[in-house]
PDB file of N, CA and C in Angstrom:
ATOM      1  N   MET A   1     -16.580   1.061  -4.543  1.00  0.00           N
ATOM      2  CA  MET A   1     -15.395   2.334  -4.962  1.00  0.00           C
ATOM      3  C   MET A   1     -16.436   4.061  -4.393  1.00  0.00           C
ATOM      4  N   GLY A   2     -16.914   4.115  -5.118  1.00  0.00           N
ATOM      5  CA  GLY A   2     -17.368   6.027  -4.719  1.00  0.00           C
ATOM      6  C   GLY A   2     -17.243   6.057  -3.829  1.00  0.00           C
ATOM      7  N   ARG A   3     -17.848   4.943  -2.487  1.00  0.00           N
ATOM      8  CA  ARG A   3     -18.189   5.711  -1.347  1.00  0.00           C
ATOM      9  C   ARG A   3     -16.672   5.990  -1.059  1.00  0.00           C
ATOM     10  N   ALA A   4     -15.695   5.456  -1.358  1.00  0.00           N
ATOM     11  CA  ALA A   4     -13.979   5.885  -0.726  1.00  0.00           C
ATOM     12  C   ALA A   4     -14.313   6.795  -1.563  1.00  0.00           C
ATOM     13  N   ILE A   5     -14.046   6.730  -3.022  1.00  0.00           N
ATOM     14  CA  ILE A   5     -14.344   8.155  -3.628  1.00  0.00           C
ATOM     15  C   ILE A   5     -14.879   9.432  -2.854  1.00  0.00           C
ATOM     16  N   LYS A   6     -15.998   9.248  -2.600  1.00  0.00           N
ATOM     17  CA  LYS A   6     -16.647  10.356  -1.696  1.00  0.00           C
ATOM     18  C   LYS A   6     -15.669  11.437  -0.354  1.00  0.00           C
ATOM     19  N   ASN A   7     -15.647  10.095   0.117  1.00  0.00           N
ATOM     20  CA  ASN A   7     -15.411  10.400   1.596  1.00  0.00           C
ATOM     21  C   ASN A   7     -13.737  11.053   1.253  1.00  0.00           C
ATOM     22  N   ARG A   8     -13.075  10.370   0.915  1.00  0.00           N
ATOM     23  CA  ARG A   8     -11.478  10.825   0.355  1.00  0.00           C
ATOM     24  C   ARG A   8     -11.575  12.706   0.526  1.00  0.00           C
ATOM     25  N   LYS A   9     -10.267  13.429   0.984  1.00  0.00           N
ATOM     26  CA  LYS A   9      -9.994  14.897   0.954  1.00  0.00           C
ATOM     27  C   LYS A   9      -9.739  14.707  -0.378  1.00  0.00           C
ATOM     28  N   THR A  10      -9.844  16.091  -0.769  1.00  0.00           N
ATOM     29  CA  THR A  10      -8.728  16.477  -2.212  1.00  0.00           C
ATOM     30  C   THR A  10      -7.721  17.261  -1.719  1.00  0.00           C
ATOM     31  N   ARG A  11      -6.811  17.448  -2.516  1.00  0.00           N
ATOM     32  CA  ARG A  11      -5.705  18.259  -2.258  1.00  0.00           C
ATOM     33  C   ARG A  11      -5.293  18.514  -3.643  1.00  0.00           C
ATOM     34  N   ARG A  12      -4.865  20.311  -2.976  1.00  0.00           N
ATOM     35  CA  ARG A  12      -4.469  21.136  -4.763  1.00  0.00           C
ATOM     36  C   ARG A  12      -2.981  20.250  -4.944  1.00  0.00           C
ATOM     37  N   VAL A  13      -2.549  19.814  -6.054  1.00  0.00           N
ATOM     38  CA  VAL A  13      -1.882  19.492  -6.567  1.00  0.00           C
ATOM     39  C   VAL A  13      -0.993  21.017  -7.352  1.00  0.00           C
ATOM     40  N   SER A  14      -1.838  21.816  -7.824  1.00  0.00           N
ATOM     41  CA  SER A  14      -1.322  22.898  -8.635  1.00  0.00           C
ATOM     42  C   SER A  14      -0.903  24.214  -7.699  1.00  0.00           C
ATOM     43  N   GLY A  15      -1.389  23.907  -6.312  1.00  0.00           N
ATOM     44  CA  GLY A  15      -0.848  25.247  -5.607  1.00  0.00           C
ATOM     45  C   GLY A  15      -1.949  26.228  -5.777  1.00  0.00           C
ATOM     46  N   GLN A  16      -2.899  25.559  -6.656  1.00  0.00           N
ATOM     47  CA  GLN A  16      -4.617  26.668  -7.054  1.00  0.00           C
ATOM     48  C   GLN A  16      -5.395  25.989  -6.524  1.00  0.00           C
ATOM     49  N   ALA A  17      -6.264  26.910  -5.670  1.00  0.00           N
ATOM     50  CA  ALA A  17      -7.591  26.637  -5.584  1.00  0.00           C
ATOM     51  C   ALA A  17      -8.523  25.844  -6.002  1.00  0.00           C
ATOM     52  N   LEU A  18      -9.388  25.343  -5.973  1.00  0.00           N
ATOM     53  CA  LEU A  18     -10.482  25.167  -6.577  1.00  0.00           C
ATOM     54  C   LEU A  18     -11.586  25.844  -6.996  1.00  0.00           C
ATOM     55  N   THR A  19     -11.808  25.375  -8.242  1.00  0.00           N
ATOM     56  CA  THR A  19     -12.745  27.201  -8.487  1.00  0.00           C
ATOM     57  C   THR A  19     -14.406  26.143  -8.285  1.00  0.00           C
ATOM     58  N   ARG A  20     -15.382  27.502  -8.059  1.00  0.00           N
ATOM     59  CA  ARG A  20     -16.440  26.908  -7.592  1.00  0.00           C
ATOM     60  C   ARG A  20     -17.014  25.751  -8.438  1.00  0.00           C
ATOM     61  N   ARG A  21     -17.287  26.590  -9.430  1.00  0.00           N
ATOM     62  CA  ARG A  21     -17.346  25.498 -11.064  1.00  0.00           C
ATOM     63  C   ARG A  21     -16.568  24.193 -10.693  1.00  0.00           C
ATOM     64  N   ARG A  22     -15.585  24.170 -10.594  1.00  0.00           N
ATOM     65  CA  ARG A  22     -14.961  22.674 -10.631  1.00  0.00           C
ATOM     66  C   ARG A  22     -15.042  22.146  -9.698  1.00  0.00           C
ATOM     67  N   ARG A  23     -15.639  22.819  -8.364  1.00  0.00           N
ATOM     68  CA  ARG A  23     -15.679  21.853  -6.722  1.00  0.00           C
ATOM     69  C   ARG A  23     -16.985  21.111  -7.244  1.00  0.00           C
ATOM     70  N   ARG A  24     -18.000  22.034  -8.034  1.00  0.00           N
ATOM     71  CA  ARG A  24     -19.278  20.918  -8.308  1.00  0.00           C
ATOM     72  C   ARG A  24     -19.055  19.886  -9.241  1.00  0.00           C
ATOM     73  N   GLU A  25     -18.107  19.871 -10.203  1.00  0.00           N
ATOM     74  CA  GLU A  25     -18.073  18.892 -11.139  1.00  0.00           C
ATOM     75  C   GLU A  25     -17.174  18.010 -10.735  1.00  0.00           C
ATOM     76  N   LEU A  26     -16.548  18.206  -9.697  1.00  0.00           N
ATOM     77  CA  LEU A  26     -16.323  16.872  -9.024  1.00  0.00           C
ATOM     78  C   LEU A  26     -16.668  16.414  -8.007  1.00  0.00           C
ATOM     79  N   GLU A  27     -18.174  16.511  -7.094  1.00  0.00           N
ATOM     80  CA  GLU A  27     -18.952  16.679  -6.361  1.00  0.00           C
ATOM     81  C   GLU A  27     -19.915  15.884  -7.013  1.00  0.00           C
ATOM     82  N   ALA A  28     -20.761  16.231  -7.654  1.00  0.00           N
ATOM     83  CA  ALA A  28     -21.347  15.859  -8.698  1.00  0.00           C
ATOM     84  C   ALA A  28     -20.578  14.021  -9.550  1.00  0.00           C
ATOM     85  N   MET A  29     -19.401  13.700  -9.621  1.00  0.00           N
ATOM     86  CA  MET A  29     -18.978  13.080  -9.871  1.00  0.00           C
ATOM     87  C   MET A  29     -19.231  12.117  -9.051  1.00  0.00           C
ATOM     88  N   ALA A  30     -17.984  12.211  -7.295  1.00  0.00           N
ATOM     89  CA  ALA A  30     -18.370  11.541  -6.717  1.00  0.00           C
ATOM     90  C   ALA A  30     -19.563  11.415  -6.572  1.00  0.00           C
ATOM     91  N   ALA A  31     -20.627  11.931  -6.524  1.00  0.00           N
ATOM     92  CA  ALA A  31     -22.375  11.158  -6.443  1.00  0.00           C
ATOM     93  C   ALA A  31     -22.728  10.546  -7.217  1.00  0.00           C
ATOM     94  N   LEU A  32     -22.033  10.363  -8.853  1.00  0.00           N
ATOM     95  CA  LEU A  32     -22.629   9.238  -9.095  1.00  0.00           C
ATOM     96  C   LEU A  32     -22.611   7.738  -8.604  1.00  0.00           C
ATOM     97  N   PRO A  33     -23.245   6.598  -8.569  1.00  0.00           N
ATOM     98  CA  PRO A  33     -22.903   5.290  -8.453  1.00  0.00           C
ATOM     99  C   PRO A  33     -22.110   5.224  -9.529  1.00  0.00           C
ATOM    100  N   ASP A  34     -21.346   4.111  -9.151  1.00  0.00           N
ATOM    101  CA  ASP A  34     -20.319   3.006 -10.491  1.00  0.00           C
ATOM    102  C   ASP A  34     -20.994   2.884 -11.404  1.00  0.00           C
ATOM    103  N   GLN A  35     -22.133   2.357 -11.714  1.00  0.00           N
ATOM    104  CA  GLN A  35     -22.829   1.780 -12.538  1.00  0.00           C
ATOM    105  C   GLN A  35     -23.116   2.468 -13.881  1.00  0.00           C
ATOM    106  N   GLN A  36     -23.314   3.945 -13.110  1.00  0.00           N
ATOM    107  CA  GLN A  36     -23.394   5.487 -13.434  1.00  0.00           C
ATOM    108  C   GLN A  36     -22.126   5.502 -14.986  1.00  0.00           C
ATOM    109  N   ILE A  37     -20.843   5.324 -14.266  1.00  0.00           N
ATOM    110  CA  ILE A  37     -19.520   6.430 -14.587  1.00  0.00           C
ATOM    111  C   ILE A  37     -19.531   5.277 -15.773  1.00  0.00           C
ATOM    112  N   ASP A  38     -19.028   5.993 -17.055  1.00  0.00           N
ATOM    113  CA  ASP A  38     -18.357   6.073 -18.508  1.00  0.00           C
ATOM    114  C   ASP A  38     -17.369   5.191 -17.789  1.00  0.00           C
ATOM    115  N   THR A  39     -16.870   4.339 -18.138  1.00  0.00           N
ATOM    116  CA  THR A  39     -15.193   3.606 -17.848  1.00  0.00           C
ATOM    117  C   THR A  39     -14.889   3.240 -20.392  1.00  0.00           C
ATOM    118  N   SER A  40     -15.678   3.679 -20.518  1.00  0.00           N
ATOM    119  CA  SER A  40     -15.793   2.698 -22.539  1.00  0.00           C
ATOM    120  C   SER A  40     -14.343   3.136 -23.158  1.00  0.00           C
ATOM    121  N   ASP A  41     -13.659   4.128 -22.258  1.00  0.00           N
ATOM    122  CA  ASP A  41     -12.153   4.942 -23.034  1.00  0.00           C
ATOM    123  C   ASP A  41     -11.089   4.065 -22.383  1.00  0.00           C
ATOM    124  N   ILE A  42     -11.820   3.276 -20.850  1.00  0.00           N
ATOM    125  CA  ILE A  42     -10.457   2.454 -20.221  1.00  0.00           C
ATOM    126  C   ILE A  42     -10.693   1.060 -20.080  1.00  0.00           C
ATOM    127  N   PRO A  43      -9.815   0.252 -21.428  1.00  0.00           N
ATOM    128  CA  PRO A  43     -11.272  -1.607 -21.650  1.00  0.00           C
ATOM    129  C   PRO A  43     -10.330  -1.938 -20.324  1.00  0.00           C
ATOM    130  N   GLU A  44     -10.865  -2.969 -19.614  1.00  0.00           N
ATOM    131  CA  GLU A  44     -10.207  -4.170 -18.905  1.00  0.00           C
ATOM    132  C   GLU A  44      -9.157  -4.199 -20.088  1.00  0.00           C
ATOM    133  N   LEU A  45      -8.023  -5.213 -18.707  1.00  0.00           N
ATOM    134  CA  LEU A  45      -6.674  -5.244 -19.109  1.00  0.00           C
ATOM    135  C   LEU A  45      -6.935  -7.258 -19.071  1.00  0.00           C
ATOM    136  N   PRO A  46      -6.629  -7.569 -20.218  1.00  0.00           N
ATOM    137  CA  PRO A  46      -6.713  -8.938 -20.734  1.00  0.00           C
ATOM    138  C   PRO A  46      -6.095  -9.697 -19.834  1.00  0.00           C
ATOM    139  N   PRO A  47      -6.269 -10.978 -19.045  1.00  0.00           N
ATOM    140  CA  PRO A  47      -5.664 -11.712 -18.554  1.00  0.00           C
ATOM    141  C   PRO A  47      -4.760 -12.424 -18.619  1.00  0.00           C
ATOM    142  N   GLU A  48      -3.590 -12.489 -19.744  1.00  0.00           N
ATOM    143  CA  GLU A  48      -2.155 -12.339 -20.226  1.00  0.00           C
ATOM    144  C   GLU A  48      -1.870 -10.782 -19.144  1.00  0.00           C
ATOM    145  N   ALA A  49      -2.530 -10.030 -18.848  1.00  0.00           N
ATOM    146  CA  ALA A  49      -1.159  -8.382 -18.144  1.00  0.00           C
ATOM    147  C   ALA A  49      -1.254  -8.795 -17.548  1.00  0.00           C
ATOM    148  N   TRP A  50      -1.593  -9.856 -16.007  1.00  0.00           N
ATOM    149  CA  TRP A  50      -2.005 -10.344 -15.112  1.00  0.00           C
ATOM    150  C   TRP A  50      -0.828 -11.713 -14.693  1.00  0.00           C
ATOM    151  N   GLU A  51      -0.595 -11.690 -15.972  1.00  0.00           N
ATOM    152  CA  GLU A  51       0.163 -13.263 -15.488  1.00  0.00           C
ATOM    153  C   GLU A  51       1.668 -12.798 -14.248  1.00  0.00           C
ATOM    154  N   ASP A  52       2.378 -11.655 -14.608  1.00  0.00           N
ATOM    155  CA  ASP A  52       2.959 -11.488 -14.155  1.00  0.00           C
ATOM    156  C   ASP A  52       3.553 -10.179 -12.295  1.00  0.00           C
ATOM    157  N   ALA A  53       1.929 -10.307 -12.281  1.00  0.00           N
ATOM    158  CA  ALA A  53       2.098  -9.402 -11.943  1.00  0.00           C
ATOM    159  C   ALA A  53       1.674  -9.377 -10.262  1.00  0.00           C
ATOM    160  N   VAL A  54       2.021  -8.136  -9.551  1.00  0.00           N
ATOM    161  CA  VAL A  54       2.683  -9.003  -7.932  1.00  0.00           C
ATOM    162  C   VAL A  54       2.086  -8.322  -6.814  1.00  0.00           C
ATOM    163  N   ARG A  55       1.602  -8.814  -6.042  1.00  0.00           N
ATOM    164  CA  ARG A  55       1.109  -7.978  -5.241  1.00  0.00           C
ATOM    165  C   ARG A  55       1.501  -7.544  -3.801  1.00  0.00           C
ATOM    166  N   GLY A  56       0.979  -6.456  -3.897  1.00  0.00           N
ATOM    167  CA  GLY A  56       2.406  -5.821  -2.675  1.00  0.00           C
ATOM    168  C   GLY A  56       3.626  -5.571  -2.632  1.00  0.00           C
ATOM    169  N   ARG A  57       3.933  -5.528  -4.289  1.00  0.00           N
ATOM    170  CA  ARG A  57       5.297  -4.693  -4.686  1.00  0.00           C
ATOM    171  C   ARG A  57       5.323  -3.785  -3.850  1.00  0.00           C
ATOM    172  N   PHE A  58       4.722  -2.696  -3.492  1.00  0.00           N
ATOM    173  CA  PHE A  58       5.442  -1.358  -3.623  1.00  0.00           C
ATOM    174  C   PHE A  58       5.002  -0.755  -2.223  1.00  0.00           C
ATOM    175  N   TYR A  59       4.500  -1.763  -1.328  1.00  0.00           N
ATOM    176  CA  TYR A  59       4.251  -1.510  -0.196  1.00  0.00           C
ATOM    177  C   TYR A  59       5.354  -1.470   0.828  1.00  0.00           C
ATOM    178  N   ARG A  60       5.281  -0.787   1.872  1.00  0.00           N
ATOM    179  CA  ARG A  60       6.092  -0.388   2.621  1.00  0.00           C
ATOM    180  C   ARG A  60       5.784  -0.366   4.269  1.00  0.00           C
ATOM    181  N   PRO A  61       5.564  -1.502   4.658  1.00  0.00           N
ATOM    182  CA  PRO A  61       5.150  -1.538   6.520  1.00  0.00           C
ATOM    183  C   PRO A  61       5.697  -0.815   7.261  1.00  0.00           C
ATOM    184  N   LEU A  62       4.789   0.252   7.976  1.00  0.00           N
ATOM    185  CA  LEU A  62       5.927   1.545   8.816  1.00  0.00           C
ATOM    186  C   LEU A  62       6.792   1.067   9.570  1.00  0.00           C
ATOM    187  N   LYS A  63       7.629   1.934  10.092  1.00  0.00           N
ATOM    188  CA  LYS A  63       8.908   1.052  10.377  1.00  0.00           C
ATOM    189  C   LYS A  63       9.007   1.789  11.861  1.00  0.00           C
ATOM    190  N   GLN A  64       8.884   1.110  13.235  1.00  0.00           N
ATOM    191  CA  GLN A  64       9.040   1.742  15.030  1.00  0.00           C
ATOM    192  C   GLN A  64      10.233   0.521  15.294  1.00  0.00           C
ATOM    193  N   ALA A  65      10.872   2.383  15.106  1.00  0.00           N
ATOM    194  CA  ALA A  65      11.718   1.603  16.717  1.00  0.00           C
ATOM    195  C   ALA A  65      11.940   1.308  17.620  1.00  0.00           C
ATOM    196  N   VAL A  66      12.456  -0.142  18.039  1.00  0.00           N
ATOM    197  CA  VAL A  66      12.123  -1.103  19.432  1.00  0.00           C
ATOM    198  C   VAL A  66      14.160  -0.995  19.646  1.00  0.00           C
ATOM    199  N   SER A  67      13.039  -1.522  21.445  1.00  0.00           N
ATOM    200  CA  SER A  67      14.506  -1.625  21.377  1.00  0.00           C
ATOM    201  C   SER A  67      14.888  -3.442  22.854  1.00  0.00           C
ATOM    202  N   MET A  68      14.948  -4.220  22.170  1.00  0.00           N
ATOM    203  CA  MET A  68      15.280  -5.544  22.301  1.00  0.00           C
ATOM    204  C   MET A  68      16.503  -5.979  22.532  1.00  0.00           C
ATOM    205  N   ARG A  69      16.227  -6.961  24.058  1.00  0.00           N
ATOM    206  CA  ARG A  69      17.815  -7.712  24.238  1.00  0.00           C
ATOM    207  C   ARG A  69      17.553  -9.282  23.508  1.00  0.00           C
ATOM    208  N   LEU A  70      18.796  -9.216  22.944  1.00  0.00           N
ATOM    209  CA  LEU A  70      18.794 -10.639  22.237  1.00  0.00           C
ATOM    210  C   LEU A  70      19.988 -10.908  22.993  1.00  0.00           C
ATOM    211  N   ASP A  71      20.530 -12.713  22.614  1.00  0.00           N
ATOM    212  CA  ASP A  71      21.397 -13.330  23.292  1.00  0.00           C
ATOM    213  C   ASP A  71      22.471 -13.256  21.326  1.00  0.00           C
ATOM    214  N   ALA A  72      23.490 -12.576  22.565  1.00  0.00           N
ATOM    215  CA  ALA A  72      24.727 -12.102  21.882  1.00  0.00           C
ATOM    216  C   ALA A  72      25.064 -12.683  20.826  1.00  0.00           C
ATOM    217  N   ASP A  73      24.482 -14.719  20.760  1.00  0.00           N
ATOM    218  CA  ASP A  73      25.381 -15.353  19.529  1.00  0.00           C
ATOM    219  C   ASP A  73      24.468 -15.903  18.545  1.00  0.00           C
ATOM    220  N   VAL A  74      22.916 -14.742  19.182  1.00  0.00           N
ATOM    221  CA  VAL A  74      21.701 -14.499  17.479  1.00  0.00           C
ATOM    222  C   VAL A  74      22.286 -13.308  16.569  1.00  0.00           C
ATOM    223  N   VAL A  75      22.626 -12.451  17.690  1.00  0.00           N
ATOM    224  CA  VAL A  75      23.012 -11.144  17.374  1.00  0.00           C
ATOM    225  C   VAL A  75      24.338 -11.615  16.593  1.00  0.00           C
ATOM    226  N   ALA A  76      25.423 -11.634  16.086  1.00  0.00           N
ATOM    227  CA  ALA A  76      26.404 -12.539  16.009  1.00  0.00           C
ATOM    228  C   ALA A  76      25.908 -12.742  13.725  1.00  0.00           C
ATOM    229  N   TRP A  77      25.267 -14.133  14.560  1.00  0.00           N
ATOM    230  CA  TRP A  77      24.526 -14.795  13.754  1.00  0.00           C
ATOM    231  C   TRP A  77      24.098 -13.667  12.845  1.00  0.00           C
ATOM    232  N   LEU A  78      23.165 -13.120  13.666  1.00  0.00           N
ATOM    233  CA  LEU A  78      22.592 -11.532  11.895  1.00  0.00           C
ATOM    234  C   LEU A  78      23.646 -10.690  11.786  1.00  0.00           C
ATOM    235  N   LYS A  79      24.395 -10.554  12.224  1.00  0.00           N
ATOM    236  CA  LYS A  79      25.840  -9.793  11.733  1.00  0.00           C
ATOM    237  C   LYS A  79      26.894 -10.555  11.241  1.00  0.00           C
ATOM    238  N   GLN A  80      27.010 -11.696  10.814  1.00  0.00           N
ATOM    239  CA  GLN A  80      27.644 -12.456  10.443  1.00  0.00           C
ATOM    240  C   GLN A  80      27.902 -12.014   8.713  1.00  0.00           C
ATOM    241  N   LEU A  81      26.589 -11.791   7.961  1.00  0.00           N
ATOM    242  CA  LEU A  81      26.230 -11.121   6.543  1.00  0.00           C
ATOM    243  C   LEU A  81      27.137  -9.653   6.326  1.00  0.00           C
ATOM    244  N   GLY A  82      26.740  -9.092   7.857  1.00  0.00           N
ATOM    245  CA  GLY A  82      27.452  -8.207   6.802  1.00  0.00           C
ATOM    246  C   GLY A  82      26.363  -6.838   7.529  1.00  0.00           C
ATOM    247  N   LYS A  83      26.586  -6.231   7.077  1.00  0.00           N
ATOM    248  CA  LYS A  83      25.670  -4.614   6.929  1.00  0.00           C
ATOM    249  C   LYS A  83      24.127  -4.889   6.358  1.00  0.00           C
ATOM    250  N   GLY A  84      22.763  -4.736   7.203  1.00  0.00           N
ATOM    251  CA  GLY A  84      21.777  -5.002   7.641  1.00  0.00           C
ATOM    252  C   GLY A  84      20.457  -6.494   8.375  1.00  0.00           C
ATOM    253  N   TYR A  85      22.025  -6.653   8.818  1.00  0.00           N
ATOM    254  CA  TYR A  85      21.549  -7.173   9.901  1.00  0.00           C
ATOM    255  C   TYR A  85      20.008  -7.420  10.436  1.00  0.00           C
ATOM    256  N   GLN A  86      19.466  -6.040  11.089  1.00  0.00           N
ATOM    257  CA  GLN A  86      17.864  -6.025  11.444  1.00  0.00           C
ATOM    258  C   GLN A  86      17.033  -5.771  10.434  1.00  0.00           C
ATOM    259  N   THR A  87      17.070  -5.414   8.934  1.00  0.00           N
ATOM    260  CA  THR A  87      16.559  -6.260   7.557  1.00  0.00           C
ATOM    261  C   THR A  87      16.095  -7.694   8.376  1.00  0.00           C
ATOM    262  N   ARG A  88      17.748  -8.319   8.180  1.00  0.00           N
ATOM    263  CA  ARG A  88      17.911  -9.713   8.134  1.00  0.00           C
ATOM    264  C   ARG A  88      16.562 -10.602   9.604  1.00  0.00           C
ATOM    265  N   ALA A  89      16.859  -9.502  10.451  1.00  0.00           N
ATOM    266  CA  ALA A  89      15.647  -9.940  11.112  1.00  0.00           C
ATOM    267  C   ALA A  89      14.503 -10.040  11.539  1.00  0.00           C
ATOM    268  N   ASN A  90      13.957  -8.569  10.902  1.00  0.00           N
ATOM    269  CA  ASN A  90      13.095  -8.362  10.702  1.00  0.00           C
ATOM    270  C   ASN A  90      12.515  -9.170   9.574  1.00  0.00           C
ATOM    271  N   ILE A  91      13.055  -9.799   8.704  1.00  0.00           N
ATOM    272  CA  ILE A  91      12.102 -10.316   7.556  1.00  0.00           C
ATOM    273  C   ILE A  91      12.389 -11.653   8.430  1.00  0.00           C
ATOM    274  N   ILE A  92      12.946 -12.105   9.384  1.00  0.00           N
ATOM    275  CA  ILE A  92      12.872 -14.084  10.180  1.00  0.00           C
ATOM    276  C   ILE A  92      11.842 -13.313  10.798  1.00  0.00           C
ATOM    277  N   LEU A  93      11.930 -12.186  11.573  1.00  0.00           N
ATOM    278  CA  LEU A  93       9.603 -12.474  12.402  1.00  0.00           C
ATOM    279  C   LEU A  93       8.749 -12.308  11.128  1.00  0.00           C
ATOM    280  N   ARG A  94       8.767 -11.871  10.241  1.00  0.00           N
ATOM    281  CA  ARG A  94       7.518 -11.317   9.396  1.00  0.00           C
ATOM    282  C   ARG A  94       7.516 -12.703   8.836  1.00  0.00           C
ATOM    283  N   GLU A  95       7.955 -13.493   8.421  1.00  0.00           N
ATOM    284  CA  GLU A  95       8.299 -14.899   7.634  1.00  0.00           C
ATOM    285  C   GLU A  95       7.607 -15.602   9.700  1.00  0.00           C
ATOM    286  N   ARG A  96       8.361 -16.211  10.404  1.00  0.00           N
ATOM    287  CA  ARG A  96       7.407 -16.744  11.001  1.00  0.00           C
ATOM    288  C   ARG A  96       6.060 -15.856  11.188  1.00  0.00           C
ATOM    289  N   MET A  97       5.493 -14.537  11.771  1.00  0.00           N
ATOM    290  CA  MET A  97       4.405 -14.180  11.698  1.00  0.00           C
ATOM    291  C   MET A  97       3.202 -14.914  10.678  1.00  0.00           C
ATOM    292  N   LEU A  98       3.839 -14.122   9.475  1.00  0.00           N
ATOM    293  CA  LEU A  98       2.786 -14.629   8.535  1.00  0.00           C
ATOM    294  C   LEU A  98       2.614 -15.998   8.468  1.00  0.00           C
ATOM    295  N   ALA A  99       3.972 -17.182   8.836  1.00  0.00           N
ATOM    296  CA  ALA A  99       3.681 -18.957   9.019  1.00  0.00           C
ATOM    297  C   ALA A  99       2.392 -19.173   9.702  1.00  0.00           C
ATOM    298  N   GLU A 100       2.291 -18.325  11.325  1.00  0.00           N
ATOM    299  CA  GLU A 100       1.721 -18.946  12.868  1.00  0.00           C
ATOM    300  C   GLU A 100       0.415 -17.900  11.885  1.00  0.00           C
ATOM    301  N   THR A 101       0.332 -16.674  11.554  1.00  0.00           N
ATOM    302  CA  THR A 101      -1.528 -16.195  11.200  1.00  0.00           C
ATOM    303  C   THR A 101      -1.983 -16.716   9.677  1.00  0.00           C
ATOM    304  N   LYS A 102      -0.743 -17.213   9.075  1.00  0.00           N
ATOM    305  CA  LYS A 102      -1.975 -19.088   8.289  1.00  0.00           C
ATOM    306  C   LYS A 102      -2.488 -19.702   8.938  1.00  0.00           C
ATOM    307  N   ARG A 103      -1.085 -20.246   9.466  1.00  0.00           N
ATOM    308  CA  ARG A 103      -2.122 -21.838  10.813  1.00  0.00           C
ATOM    309  C   ARG A 103      -3.836 -21.191  11.489  1.00  0.00           C
ATOM    310  N   ALA A 104      -3.375 -19.873  12.457  1.00  0.00           N
ATOM    311  CA  ALA A 104      -4.798 -19.223  13.192  1.00  0.00           C
ATOM    312  C   ALA A 104      -5.224 -19.353  12.606  1.00  0.00           C
TER     313      ALA A 104
END
């Protein structure tokens, strides 16, 4: 984890540049091995806290516009429930993709 933080670029949140002192402090913290970081004020969550956790809940894959030629009856079937037929097609394709990658 320490390496990922070291390589991450910092960005200004407040719109103000970091002072030299603050930059040195941040660089010193990033250089610390994980074992030397005091996390005593951040207790670990008990197992019960993870019971309702959902992996990937806020994950939104990057969308790409494509042009596909589909059979007319397939498009009609997708559109029969109304708005959102492209989303339905994406869900069907994603489920199939995941099923096939699990088998491989």
